[in-house]
Amino acid sequence: MERDSLNSAIGWLGIVLGKTKDNGEHPYDYYLKASVLHEFGGSQDIHLRAANGETLDTHYDYGETWWKWDWEEPTGLIPIPCLYGC
């Protein structure tokens, strides 16, 4: 197996909305984060050679755009503190 190096540059743009109440009987923190990410030019070539001489050459292009969102509630009221979407 032989593979070329992988170079990656990811751009990120996001927004965070939150609310904090730290006084009173029931303090809380809530945060909603939304982001879009883009891979600029990440690619890789892979060359495989079997013992019987067969070969396989593959090229992967990682230039994609995806999104991610998080909901955080660190006070423990919700059992799953973070959710991710792709």
Protein backbone atom coordinates (compact mmCIF):
# COMPACT_ATOMS: atom_id res chain seq x y z
CA MET A 1 0.00 0.00 0.00
CA GLU A 2 1.24 3.43 -0.88
CA ARG A 3 -0.52 6.70 -0.29
CA ASP A 4 0.24 10.33 -0.90
CA SER A 5 0.23 12.93 1.82
CA LEU A 6 -3.03 14.56 2.83
CA ASN A 7 -3.26 18.34 3.06
CA SER A 8 -6.37 19.89 4.53
CA ALA A 9 -7.69 23.41 5.10
CA ILE A 10 -11.12 23.77 6.69
CA GLY A 11 -13.01 27.06 6.87
CA TRP A 12 -15.61 27.54 9.60
CA LEU A 13 -18.41 30.08 9.98
CA GLY A 14 -20.80 29.88 12.89
CA ILE A 15 -23.08 31.61 15.31
CA VAL A 16 -23.72 31.01 19.02
CA LEU A 17 -26.89 32.07 20.79
CA GLY A 18 -27.12 31.65 24.53
CA LYS A 19 -28.79 32.65 27.72
CA THR A 20 -27.35 32.63 31.21
CA LYS A 21 -29.07 33.26 34.51
CA ASP A 22 -26.66 32.91 37.40
CA ASN A 23 -28.66 34.42 40.24
CA GLY A 24 -31.80 33.20 41.92
CA GLU A 25 -32.91 29.76 43.02
CA HIS A 26 -32.46 27.98 39.66
CA PRO A 27 -29.43 29.25 37.68
CA TYR A 28 -29.04 27.97 34.12
CA ASP A 29 -26.97 28.18 30.92
CA TYR A 30 -28.33 27.33 27.46
CA TYR A 31 -26.39 27.57 24.21
CA LEU A 32 -27.40 26.86 20.62
CA LYS A 33 -24.49 26.74 18.16
CA ALA A 34 -24.86 26.46 14.38
CA SER A 35 -21.92 26.20 11.99
CA VAL A 36 -21.16 25.58 8.33
CA LEU A 37 -17.74 24.11 7.46
CA HIS A 38 -16.00 23.77 4.09
CA GLU A 39 -12.96 21.72 3.10
CA PHE A 40 -10.77 23.62 0.65
CA GLY A 41 -8.89 21.27 -1.66
CA GLY A 42 -8.24 18.25 0.53
CA SER A 43 -7.42 15.21 -1.63
CA GLN A 44 -5.39 12.01 -1.48
CA ASP A 45 -4.20 9.29 -3.89
CA ILE A 46 -3.97 5.67 -2.70
CA HIS A 47 -2.18 2.89 -4.62
CA LEU A 48 -2.78 -0.74 -3.54
CA ARG A 49 -0.87 -3.78 -4.83
CA ALA A 50 -1.84 -7.38 -3.95
CA ALA A 51 0.58 -10.31 -3.64
CA ASN A 52 -0.68 -11.69 -6.97
CA GLY A 53 0.21 -8.42 -8.76
CA GLU A 54 -3.26 -6.87 -8.95
CA THR A 55 -3.34 -3.12 -8.39
CA LEU A 56 -5.95 -0.59 -7.42
CA ASP A 57 -5.48 3.16 -7.73
CA THR A 58 -7.98 5.40 -5.96
CA HIS A 59 -8.32 9.15 -5.64
CA TYR A 60 -10.31 10.75 -2.83
CA ASP A 61 -11.45 14.36 -3.03
CA TYR A 62 -12.47 15.75 0.36
CA GLY A 63 -13.68 19.14 -0.92
CA GLU A 64 -17.07 19.14 0.79
CA THR A 65 -19.32 21.45 2.75
CA TRP A 66 -21.20 20.30 5.85
CA TRP A 67 -23.04 21.74 8.80
CA LYS A 68 -23.00 21.10 12.50
CA TRP A 69 -25.26 22.19 15.31
CA ASP A 70 -24.94 21.81 19.08
CA TRP A 71 -27.40 22.33 21.89
CA GLU A 72 -25.67 22.62 25.25
CA GLU A 73 -27.37 22.68 28.58
CA PRO A 74 -24.63 22.10 31.17
CA THR A 75 -26.84 22.16 34.29
CA GLY A 76 -27.76 18.49 33.93
CA LEU A 77 -31.50 18.79 33.23
CA ILE A 78 -31.19 17.12 29.81
CA PRO A 79 -29.41 13.71 29.82
CA ILE A 80 -27.66 14.26 26.41
CA PRO A 81 -25.71 17.55 26.63
CA CYS A 82 -24.71 17.84 22.94
CA LEU A 83 -26.36 16.85 19.67
CA TYR A 84 -24.57 16.85 16.32
CA GLY A 85 -26.05 16.94 12.82
CA CYS A 86 -24.23 16.39 9.53
